[in-house]
mmCIF file of all heavy atoms, coordinates in Angstrom:
data_MODEL
# 
_entry.id   MODEL 
# 
loop_
_atom_site.group_PDB 
_atom_site.id 
_atom_site.type_symbol 
_atom_site.label_atom_id 
_atom_site.label_alt_id 
_atom_site.label_comp_id 
_atom_site.label_asym_id 
_atom_site.label_entity_id 
_atom_site.label_seq_id 
_atom_site.pdbx_PDB_ins_code 
_atom_site.Cartn_x 
_atom_site.Cartn_y 
_atom_site.Cartn_z 
_atom_site.occupancy 
_atom_site.B_iso_or_equiv 
_atom_site.pdbx_formal_charge 
_atom_site.auth_seq_id 
_atom_site.auth_comp_id 
_atom_site.auth_asym_id 
_atom_site.auth_atom_id 
_atom_site.pdbx_PDB_model_num 
ATOM 1   N N   . HIS A 1 1  ? 86.354 -32.849 -6.046  1.00 0.00 ? 1  HIS A N   1 
ATOM 2   C CA  . HIS A 1 1  ? 86.432 -32.891 -7.534  1.00 0.00 ? 1  HIS A CA  1 
ATOM 3   C C   . HIS A 1 1  ? 85.167 -33.647 -8.047  1.00 0.00 ? 1  HIS A C   1 
ATOM 4   O O   . HIS A 1 1  ? 84.857 -34.759 -7.585  1.00 0.00 ? 1  HIS A O   1 
ATOM 5   C CB  . HIS A 1 1  ? 87.676 -33.600 -8.001  1.00 0.00 ? 1  HIS A CB  1 
ATOM 6   C CG  . HIS A 1 1  ? 88.943 -32.886 -7.707  1.00 0.00 ? 1  HIS A CG  1 
ATOM 7   N ND1 . HIS A 1 1  ? 90.149 -33.154 -8.329  1.00 0.00 ? 1  HIS A ND1 1 
ATOM 8   C CD2 . HIS A 1 1  ? 89.180 -31.862 -6.840  1.00 0.00 ? 1  HIS A CD2 1 
ATOM 9   C CE1 . HIS A 1 1  ? 91.047 -32.341 -7.887  1.00 0.00 ? 1  HIS A CE1 1 
ATOM 10  N NE2 . HIS A 1 1  ? 90.511 -31.553 -6.963  1.00 0.00 ? 1  HIS A NE2 1 
ATOM 11  N N   . HIS A 1 2  ? 84.511 -33.057 -9.028  1.00 0.00 ? 2  HIS A N   1 
ATOM 12  C CA  . HIS A 1 2  ? 83.448 -33.704 -9.766  1.00 0.00 ? 2  HIS A CA  1 
ATOM 13  C C   . HIS A 1 2  ? 83.815 -33.710 -11.249 1.00 0.00 ? 2  HIS A C   1 
ATOM 14  O O   . HIS A 1 2  ? 84.388 -32.735 -11.776 1.00 0.00 ? 2  HIS A O   1 
ATOM 15  C CB  . HIS A 1 2  ? 82.131 -32.961 -9.616  1.00 0.00 ? 2  HIS A CB  1 
ATOM 16  C CG  . HIS A 1 2  ? 81.596 -32.917 -8.189  1.00 0.00 ? 2  HIS A CG  1 
ATOM 17  N ND1 . HIS A 1 2  ? 81.276 -34.065 -7.476  1.00 0.00 ? 2  HIS A ND1 1 
ATOM 18  C CD2 . HIS A 1 2  ? 81.353 -31.879 -7.375  1.00 0.00 ? 2  HIS A CD2 1 
ATOM 19  C CE1 . HIS A 1 2  ? 80.846 -33.699 -6.304  1.00 0.00 ? 2  HIS A CE1 1 
ATOM 20  N NE2 . HIS A 1 2  ? 80.920 -32.399 -6.169  1.00 0.00 ? 2  HIS A NE2 1 
ATOM 21  N N   . ILE A 1 3  ? 83.463 -34.792 -11.926 1.00 0.00 ? 3  ILE A N   1 
ATOM 22  C CA  . ILE A 1 3  ? 83.745 -34.925 -13.367 1.00 0.00 ? 3  ILE A CA  1 
ATOM 23  C C   . ILE A 1 3  ? 82.438 -34.841 -14.169 1.00 0.00 ? 3  ILE A C   1 
ATOM 24  O O   . ILE A 1 3  ? 81.461 -35.524 -13.800 1.00 0.00 ? 3  ILE A O   1 
ATOM 25  C CB  . ILE A 1 3  ? 84.459 -36.248 -13.704 1.00 0.00 ? 3  ILE A CB  1 
ATOM 26  C CG1 . ILE A 1 3  ? 85.822 -36.283 -12.986 1.00 0.00 ? 3  ILE A CG1 1 
ATOM 27  C CG2 . ILE A 1 3  ? 84.614 -36.410 -15.223 1.00 0.00 ? 3  ILE A CG2 1 
ATOM 28  C CD1 . ILE A 1 3  ? 86.514 -37.630 -13.137 1.00 0.00 ? 3  ILE A CD1 1 
ATOM 29  N N   . LEU A 1 4  ? 82.399 -33.977 -15.141 1.00 0.00 ? 4  LEU A N   1 
ATOM 30  C CA  . LEU A 1 4  ? 81.240 -33.873 -15.994 1.00 0.00 ? 4  LEU A CA  1 
ATOM 31  C C   . LEU A 1 4  ? 81.581 -34.430 -17.392 1.00 0.00 ? 4  LEU A C   1 
ATOM 32  O O   . LEU A 1 4  ? 82.487 -33.935 -18.084 1.00 0.00 ? 4  LEU A O   1 
ATOM 33  C CB  . LEU A 1 4  ? 80.812 -32.361 -16.109 1.00 0.00 ? 4  LEU A CB  1 
ATOM 34  C CG  . LEU A 1 4  ? 79.632 -32.122 -17.103 1.00 0.00 ? 4  LEU A CG  1 
ATOM 35  C CD1 . LEU A 1 4  ? 78.398 -32.845 -16.670 1.00 0.00 ? 4  LEU A CD1 1 
ATOM 36  C CD2 . LEU A 1 4  ? 79.355 -30.611 -17.199 1.00 0.00 ? 4  LEU A CD2 1 
ATOM 37  N N   . VAL A 1 5  ? 80.804 -35.447 -17.784 1.00 0.00 ? 5  VAL A N   1 
ATOM 38  C CA  . VAL A 1 5  ? 80.958 -36.068 -19.119 1.00 0.00 ? 5  VAL A CA  1 
ATOM 39  C C   . VAL A 1 5  ? 79.776 -35.647 -19.943 1.00 0.00 ? 5  VAL A C   1 
ATOM 40  O O   . VAL A 1 5  ? 78.604 -35.775 -19.535 1.00 0.00 ? 5  VAL A O   1 
ATOM 41  C CB  . VAL A 1 5  ? 81.006 -37.588 -19.010 1.00 0.00 ? 5  VAL A CB  1 
ATOM 42  C CG1 . VAL A 1 5  ? 81.101 -38.237 -20.371 1.00 0.00 ? 5  VAL A CG1 1 
ATOM 43  C CG2 . VAL A 1 5  ? 82.199 -38.029 -18.111 1.00 0.00 ? 5  VAL A CG2 1 
ATOM 44  N N   . VAL A 1 6  ? 80.051 -35.096 -21.112 1.00 0.00 ? 6  VAL A N   1 
ATOM 45  C CA  . VAL A 1 6  ? 78.964 -34.615 -22.030 1.00 0.00 ? 6  VAL A CA  1 
ATOM 46  C C   . VAL A 1 6  ? 78.863 -35.542 -23.213 1.00 0.00 ? 6  VAL A C   1 
ATOM 47  O O   . VAL A 1 6  ? 79.870 -35.706 -23.941 1.00 0.00 ? 6  VAL A O   1 
ATOM 48  C CB  . VAL A 1 6  ? 79.235 -33.145 -22.438 1.00 0.00 ? 6  VAL A CB  1 
ATOM 49  C CG1 . VAL A 1 6  ? 78.106 -32.683 -23.356 1.00 0.00 ? 6  VAL A CG1 1 
ATOM 50  C CG2 . VAL A 1 6  ? 79.321 -32.224 -21.210 1.00 0.00 ? 6  VAL A CG2 1 
ATOM 51  N N   . GLN A 1 7  ? 77.707 -36.104 -23.410 1.00 0.00 ? 7  GLN A N   1 
ATOM 52  C CA  . GLN A 1 7  ? 77.470 -36.965 -24.556 1.00 0.00 ? 7  GLN A CA  1 
ATOM 53  C C   . GLN A 1 7  ? 76.883 -36.173 -25.688 1.00 0.00 ? 7  GLN A C   1 
ATOM 54  O O   . GLN A 1 7  ? 76.048 -35.278 -25.448 1.00 0.00 ? 7  GLN A O   1 
ATOM 55  C CB  . GLN A 1 7  ? 76.600 -38.141 -24.168 1.00 0.00 ? 7  GLN A CB  1 
ATOM 56  C CG  . GLN A 1 7  ? 77.190 -39.084 -23.122 1.00 0.00 ? 7  GLN A CG  1 
ATOM 57  C CD  . GLN A 1 7  ? 76.289 -40.229 -22.790 1.00 0.00 ? 7  GLN A CD  1 
ATOM 58  O OE1 . GLN A 1 7  ? 75.045 -40.170 -22.871 1.00 0.00 ? 7  GLN A OE1 1 
ATOM 59  N NE2 . GLN A 1 7  ? 76.859 -41.363 -22.436 1.00 0.00 ? 7  GLN A NE2 1 
ATOM 60  N N   . TYR A 1 8  ? 77.260 -36.477 -26.919 1.00 0.00 ? 8  TYR A N   1 
ATOM 61  C CA  . TYR A 1 8  ? 76.722 -35.777 -28.086 1.00 0.00 ? 8  TYR A CA  1 
ATOM 62  C C   . TYR A 1 8  ? 76.630 -36.702 -29.268 1.00 0.00 ? 8  TYR A C   1 
ATOM 63  O O   . TYR A 1 8  ? 77.350 -37.716 -29.347 1.00 0.00 ? 8  TYR A O   1 
ATOM 64  C CB  . TYR A 1 8  ? 77.528 -34.543 -28.420 1.00 0.00 ? 8  TYR A CB  1 
ATOM 65  C CG  . TYR A 1 8  ? 79.045 -34.771 -28.574 1.00 0.00 ? 8  TYR A CG  1 
ATOM 66  C CD1 . TYR A 1 8  ? 79.584 -35.043 -29.822 1.00 0.00 ? 8  TYR A CD1 1 
ATOM 67  C CD2 . TYR A 1 8  ? 79.855 -34.754 -27.481 1.00 0.00 ? 8  TYR A CD2 1 
ATOM 68  C CE1 . TYR A 1 8  ? 80.937 -35.232 -29.919 1.00 0.00 ? 8  TYR A CE1 1 
ATOM 69  C CE2 . TYR A 1 8  ? 81.205 -34.931 -27.553 1.00 0.00 ? 8  TYR A CE2 1 
ATOM 70  C CZ  . TYR A 1 8  ? 81.778 -35.205 -28.833 1.00 0.00 ? 8  TYR A CZ  1 
ATOM 71  O OH  . TYR A 1 8  ? 83.108 -35.422 -28.959 1.00 0.00 ? 8  TYR A OH  1 
ATOM 72  N N   . SER A 1 9  ? 75.740 -36.370 -30.204 1.00 0.00 ? 9  SER A N   1 
ATOM 73  C CA  . SER A 1 9  ? 75.424 -37.231 -31.337 1.00 0.00 ? 9  SER A CA  1 
ATOM 74  C C   . SER A 1 9  ? 76.651 -37.249 -32.281 1.00 0.00 ? 9  SER A C   1 
ATOM 75  O O   . SER A 1 9  ? 77.492 -36.371 -32.300 1.00 0.00 ? 9  SER A O   1 
ATOM 76  C CB  . SER A 1 9  ? 74.233 -36.735 -32.098 1.00 0.00 ? 9  SER A CB  1 
ATOM 77  O OG  . SER A 1 9  ? 74.399 -35.386 -32.470 1.00 0.00 ? 9  SER A OG  1 
ATOM 78  N N   . PRO A 1 10 ? 76.694 -38.310 -33.148 1.00 0.00 ? 10 PRO A N   1 
ATOM 79  C CA  . PRO A 1 10 ? 77.899 -38.502 -33.996 1.00 0.00 ? 10 PRO A CA  1 
ATOM 80  C C   . PRO A 1 10 ? 77.890 -37.612 -35.219 1.00 0.00 ? 10 PRO A C   1 
ATOM 81  O O   . PRO A 1 10 ? 76.870 -37.141 -35.712 1.00 0.00 ? 10 PRO A O   1 
ATOM 82  C CB  . PRO A 1 10 ? 77.762 -39.986 -34.355 1.00 0.00 ? 10 PRO A CB  1 
ATOM 83  C CG  . PRO A 1 10 ? 76.307 -40.269 -34.357 1.00 0.00 ? 10 PRO A CG  1 
ATOM 84  C CD  . PRO A 1 10 ? 75.727 -39.411 -33.262 1.00 0.00 ? 10 PRO A CD  1 
ATOM 85  N N   . LYS A 1 11 ? 79.111 -37.397 -35.706 1.00 0.00 ? 11 LYS A N   1 
ATOM 86  C CA  . LYS A 1 11 ? 79.398 -36.828 -36.992 1.00 0.00 ? 11 LYS A CA  1 
ATOM 87  C C   . LYS A 1 11 ? 80.316 -37.730 -37.748 1.00 0.00 ? 11 LYS A C   1 
ATOM 88  O O   . LYS A 1 11 ? 81.202 -38.363 -37.128 1.00 0.00 ? 11 LYS A O   1 
ATOM 89  C CB  . LYS A 1 11 ? 80.022 -35.441 -36.897 1.00 0.00 ? 11 LYS A CB  1 
ATOM 90  C CG  . LYS A 1 11 ? 79.111 -34.382 -36.330 1.00 0.00 ? 11 LYS A CG  1 
ATOM 91  C CD  . LYS A 1 11 ? 79.726 -33.014 -36.314 1.00 0.00 ? 11 LYS A CD  1 
ATOM 92  C CE  . LYS A 1 11 ? 78.819 -31.929 -35.767 1.00 0.00 ? 11 LYS A CE  1 
ATOM 93  N NZ  . LYS A 1 11 ? 79.463 -30.593 -35.735 1.00 0.00 ? 11 LYS A NZ  1 
ATOM 94  N N   . VAL A 1 12 ? 80.173 -37.864 -39.044 1.00 0.00 ? 12 VAL A N   1 
ATOM 95  C CA  . VAL A 1 12 ? 80.987 -38.792 -39.796 1.00 0.00 ? 12 VAL A CA  1 
ATOM 96  C C   . VAL A 1 12 ? 81.424 -38.092 -41.106 1.00 0.00 ? 12 VAL A C   1 
ATOM 97  O O   . VAL A 1 12 ? 80.732 -37.262 -41.659 1.00 0.00 ? 12 VAL A O   1 
ATOM 98  C CB  . VAL A 1 12 ? 80.224 -40.121 -40.150 1.00 0.00 ? 12 VAL A CB  1 
ATOM 99  C CG1 . VAL A 1 12 ? 79.069 -39.853 -41.109 1.00 0.00 ? 12 VAL A CG1 1 
ATOM 100 C CG2 . VAL A 1 12 ? 81.133 -41.183 -40.686 1.00 0.00 ? 12 VAL A CG2 1 
ATOM 101 N N   . SER A 1 13 ? 82.648 -38.443 -41.516 1.00 0.00 ? 13 SER A N   1 
ATOM 102 C CA  . SER A 1 13 ? 83.184 -37.850 -42.749 1.00 0.00 ? 13 SER A CA  1 
ATOM 103 C C   . SER A 1 13 ? 84.130 -38.823 -43.421 1.00 0.00 ? 13 SER A C   1 
ATOM 104 O O   . SER A 1 13 ? 84.822 -39.618 -42.743 1.00 0.00 ? 13 SER A O   1 
ATOM 105 C CB  . SER A 1 13 ? 83.932 -36.541 -42.464 1.00 0.00 ? 13 SER A CB  1 
ATOM 106 O OG  . SER A 1 13 ? 84.989 -36.760 -41.553 1.00 0.00 ? 13 SER A OG  1 
ATOM 107 N N   . PRO A 1 14 ? 84.201 -38.859 -44.755 1.00 0.00 ? 14 PRO A N   1 
ATOM 108 C CA  . PRO A 1 14 ? 85.077 -39.775 -45.444 1.00 0.00 ? 14 PRO A CA  1 
ATOM 109 C C   . PRO A 1 14 ? 86.509 -39.325 -45.320 1.00 0.00 ? 14 PRO A C   1 
ATOM 110 O O   . PRO A 1 14 ? 86.821 -38.118 -45.289 1.00 0.00 ? 14 PRO A O   1 
ATOM 111 C CB  . PRO A 1 14 ? 84.585 -39.697 -46.900 1.00 0.00 ? 14 PRO A CB  1 
ATOM 112 C CG  . PRO A 1 14 ? 83.917 -38.355 -47.015 1.00 0.00 ? 14 PRO A CG  1 
ATOM 113 C CD  . PRO A 1 14 ? 83.322 -38.066 -45.663 1.00 0.00 ? 14 PRO A CD  1 
ATOM 114 N N   . THR A 1 15 ? 87.448 -40.256 -45.244 1.00 0.00 ? 15 THR A N   1 
ATOM 115 C CA  . THR A 1 15 ? 88.882 -39.930 -45.163 1.00 0.00 ? 15 THR A CA  1 
ATOM 116 C C   . THR A 1 15 ? 89.589 -40.257 -46.508 1.00 0.00 ? 15 THR A C   1 
ATOM 117 O O   . THR A 1 15 ? 90.804 -40.133 -46.562 1.00 0.00 ? 15 THR A O   1 
ATOM 118 C CB  . THR A 1 15 ? 89.536 -40.714 -44.022 1.00 0.00 ? 15 THR A CB  1 
ATOM 119 O OG1 . THR A 1 15 ? 89.326 -42.103 -44.214 1.00 0.00 ? 15 THR A OG1 1 
ATOM 120 C CG2 . THR A 1 15 ? 88.939 -40.291 -42.686 1.00 0.00 ? 15 THR A CG2 1 
ATOM 121 N N   . VAL A 1 16 ? 88.822 -40.654 -47.508 1.00 0.00 ? 16 VAL A N   1 
ATOM 122 C CA  . VAL A 1 16 ? 89.348 -40.914 -48.851 1.00 0.00 ? 16 VAL A CA  1 
ATOM 123 C C   . VAL A 1 16 ? 88.433 -40.243 -49.845 1.00 0.00 ? 16 VAL A C   1 
ATOM 124 O O   . VAL A 1 16 ? 87.312 -39.776 -49.444 1.00 0.00 ? 16 VAL A O   1 
ATOM 125 C CB  . VAL A 1 16 ? 89.406 -42.451 -49.121 1.00 0.00 ? 16 VAL A CB  1 
ATOM 126 C CG1 . VAL A 1 16 ? 90.450 -43.080 -48.223 1.00 0.00 ? 16 VAL A CG1 1 
ATOM 127 C CG2 . VAL A 1 16 ? 88.064 -43.084 -48.986 1.00 0.00 ? 16 VAL A CG2 1 
ATOM 128 N N   . PRO A 1 17 ? 88.776 -40.099 -51.123 1.00 0.00 ? 17 PRO A N   1 
ATOM 129 C CA  . PRO A 1 17 ? 87.865 -39.463 -52.079 1.00 0.00 ? 17 PRO A CA  1 
ATOM 130 C C   . PRO A 1 17 ? 86.508 -40.152 -52.144 1.00 0.00 ? 17 PRO A C   1 
ATOM 131 O O   . PRO A 1 17 ? 86.408 -41.394 -51.975 1.00 0.00 ? 17 PRO A O   1 
ATOM 132 C CB  . PRO A 1 17 ? 88.631 -39.663 -53.417 1.00 0.00 ? 17 PRO A CB  1 
ATOM 133 C CG  . PRO A 1 17 ? 90.082 -39.749 -53.033 1.00 0.00 ? 17 PRO A CG  1 
ATOM 134 C CD  . PRO A 1 17 ? 90.109 -40.447 -51.703 1.00 0.00 ? 17 PRO A CD  1 
ATOM 135 N N   . THR A 1 18 ? 85.473 -39.365 -52.337 1.00 0.00 ? 18 THR A N   1 
ATOM 136 C CA  . THR A 1 18 ? 84.110 -39.918 -52.332 1.00 0.00 ? 18 THR A CA  1 
ATOM 137 C C   . THR A 1 18 ? 83.778 -40.654 -53.623 1.00 0.00 ? 18 THR A C   1 
ATOM 138 O O   . THR A 1 18 ? 82.750 -41.322 -53.670 1.00 0.00 ? 18 THR A O   1 
ATOM 139 C CB  . THR A 1 18 ? 83.089 -38.805 -52.098 1.00 0.00 ? 18 THR A CB  1 
ATOM 140 O OG1 . THR A 1 18 ? 83.265 -37.778 -53.101 1.00 0.00 ? 18 THR A OG1 1 
ATOM 141 C CG2 . THR A 1 18 ? 83.252 -38.152 -50.720 1.00 0.00 ? 18 THR A CG2 1 
ATOM 142 N N   . GLU A 1 19 ? 84.636 -40.533 -54.615 1.00 0.00 ? 19 GLU A N   1 
ATOM 143 C CA  . GLU A 1 19 ? 84.379 -41.286 -55.875 1.00 0.00 ? 19 GLU A CA  1 
ATOM 144 C C   . GLU A 1 19 ? 85.638 -42.102 -56.182 1.00 0.00 ? 19 GLU A C   1 
ATOM 145 O O   . GLU A 1 19 ? 86.723 -41.574 -56.273 1.00 0.00 ? 19 GLU A O   1 
ATOM 146 C CB  . GLU A 1 19 ? 84.048 -40.367 -57.046 1.00 0.00 ? 19 GLU A CB  1 
ATOM 147 C CG  . GLU A 1 19 ? 83.720 -41.092 -58.308 1.00 0.00 ? 19 GLU A CG  1 
ATOM 148 C CD  . GLU A 1 19 ? 83.250 -40.139 -59.430 1.00 0.00 ? 19 GLU A CD  1 
ATOM 149 O OE1 . GLU A 1 19 ? 82.235 -39.486 -59.212 1.00 0.00 ? 19 GLU A OE1 1 
ATOM 150 O OE2 . GLU A 1 19 ? 83.908 -40.112 -60.484 1.00 0.00 ? 19 GLU A OE2 1 
ATOM 151 N N   . HIS A 1 20 ? 85.447 -43.415 -56.399 1.00 0.00 ? 20 HIS A N   1 
ATOM 152 C CA  . HIS A 1 20 ? 86.570 -44.345 -56.673 1.00 0.00 ? 20 HIS A CA  1 
ATOM 153 C C   . HIS A 1 20 ? 86.307 -44.889 -58.090 1.00 0.00 ? 20 HIS A C   1 
ATOM 154 O O   . HIS A 1 20 ? 85.285 -45.526 -58.332 1.00 0.00 ? 20 HIS A O   1 
ATOM 155 C CB  . HIS A 1 20 ? 86.646 -45.479 -55.651 1.00 0.00 ? 20 HIS A CB  1 
ATOM 156 C CG  . HIS A 1 20 ? 87.095 -45.017 -54.310 1.00 0.00 ? 20 HIS A CG  1 
ATOM 157 N ND1 . HIS A 1 20 ? 88.421 -45.242 -53.822 1.00 0.00 ? 20 HIS A ND1 1 
ATOM 158 C CD2 . HIS A 1 20 ? 86.484 -44.330 -53.331 1.00 0.00 ? 20 HIS A CD2 1 
ATOM 159 C CE1 . HIS A 1 20 ? 88.500 -44.725 -52.625 1.00 0.00 ? 20 HIS A CE1 1 
ATOM 160 N NE2 . HIS A 1 20 ? 87.358 -44.177 -52.289 1.00 0.00 ? 20 HIS A NE2 1 
ATOM 161 N N   . GLN A 1 21 ? 87.303 -44.715 -58.920 1.00 0.00 ? 21 GLN A N   1 
ATOM 162 C CA  . GLN A 1 21 ? 87.244 -45.349 -60.290 1.00 0.00 ? 21 GLN A CA  1 
ATOM 163 C C   . GLN A 1 21 ? 88.382 -46.342 -60.350 1.00 0.00 ? 21 GLN A C   1 
ATOM 164 O O   . GLN A 1 21 ? 89.559 -45.998 -60.375 1.00 0.00 ? 21 GLN A O   1 
ATOM 165 C CB  . GLN A 1 21 ? 87.364 -44.280 -61.375 1.00 0.00 ? 21 GLN A CB  1 
ATOM 166 C CG  . GLN A 1 21 ? 87.041 -44.813 -62.751 1.00 0.00 ? 21 GLN A CG  1 
ATOM 167 C CD  . GLN A 1 21 ? 86.707 -43.666 -63.716 1.00 0.00 ? 21 GLN A CD  1 
ATOM 168 O OE1 . GLN A 1 21 ? 86.441 -42.517 -63.315 1.00 0.00 ? 21 GLN A OE1 1 
ATOM 169 N NE2 . GLN A 1 21 ? 86.711 -43.945 -64.975 1.00 0.00 ? 21 GLN A NE2 1 
ATOM 170 N N   . VAL A 1 22 ? 88.001 -47.640 -60.426 1.00 0.00 ? 22 VAL A N   1 
ATOM 171 C CA  . VAL A 1 22 ? 89.029 -48.704 -60.386 1.00 0.00 ? 22 VAL A CA  1 
ATOM 172 C C   . VAL A 1 22 ? 88.803 -49.676 -61.517 1.00 0.00 ? 22 VAL A C   1 
ATOM 173 O O   . VAL A 1 22 ? 87.680 -49.743 -62.101 1.00 0.00 ? 22 VAL A O   1 
ATOM 174 C CB  . VAL A 1 22 ? 88.951 -49.472 -59.006 1.00 0.00 ? 22 VAL A CB  1 
ATOM 175 C CG1 . VAL A 1 22 ? 89.346 -48.548 -57.896 1.00 0.00 ? 22 VAL A CG1 1 
ATOM 176 C CG2 . VAL A 1 22 ? 87.589 -50.034 -58.793 1.00 0.00 ? 22 VAL A CG2 1 
ATOM 177 N N   . LYS A 1 23 ? 89.843 -50.387 -61.861 1.00 0.00 ? 23 LYS A N   1 
ATOM 178 C CA  . LYS A 1 23 ? 89.739 -51.368 -62.928 1.00 0.00 ? 23 LYS A CA  1 
ATOM 179 C C   . LYS A 1 23 ? 89.323 -52.725 -62.304 1.00 0.00 ? 23 LYS A C   1 
ATOM 180 O O   . LYS A 1 23 ? 89.618 -53.046 -61.177 1.00 0.00 ? 23 LYS A O   1 
ATOM 181 C CB  . LYS A 1 23 ? 91.120 -51.542 -63.621 1.00 0.00 ? 23 LYS A CB  1 
ATOM 182 C CG  . LYS A 1 23 ? 91.542 -50.295 -64.376 1.00 0.00 ? 23 LYS A CG  1 
ATOM 183 C CD  . LYS A 1 23 ? 92.879 -50.525 -65.107 1.00 0.00 ? 23 LYS A CD  1 
ATOM 184 C CE  . LYS A 1 23 ? 93.266 -49.273 -65.880 1.00 0.00 ? 23 LYS A CE  1 
ATOM 185 N NZ  . LYS A 1 23 ? 94.588 -49.508 -66.577 1.00 0.00 ? 23 LYS A NZ  1 
ATOM 186 N N   . ALA A 1 24 ? 88.599 -53.483 -63.143 1.00 0.00 ? 24 ALA A N   1 
ATOM 187 C CA  . ALA A 1 24 ? 88.151 -54.808 -62.699 1.00 0.00 ? 24 ALA A CA  1 
ATOM 188 C C   . ALA A 1 24 ? 89.367 -55.639 -62.265 1.00 0.00 ? 24 ALA A C   1 
ATOM 189 O O   . ALA A 1 24 ? 90.409 -55.663 -62.935 1.00 0.00 ? 24 ALA A O   1 
ATOM 190 C CB  . ALA A 1 24 ? 87.418 -55.520 -63.805 1.00 0.00 ? 24 ALA A CB  1 
ATOM 191 N N   . GLY A 1 25 ? 89.238 -56.339 -61.131 1.00 0.00 ? 25 GLY A N   1 
ATOM 192 C CA  . GLY A 1 25 ? 90.304 -57.140 -60.590 1.00 0.00 ? 25 GLY A CA  1 
ATOM 193 C C   . GLY A 1 25 ? 91.162 -56.420 -59.624 1.00 0.00 ? 25 GLY A C   1 
ATOM 194 O O   . GLY A 1 25 ? 91.920 -57.056 -58.888 1.00 0.00 ? 25 GLY A O   1 
# 
């Protein structure tokens, strides 16, 4: 048995809305 591990560059994505409108405090 031989194991092959393949490395690859990252990908990133937001898991919440990309625009947040909040009140002060």
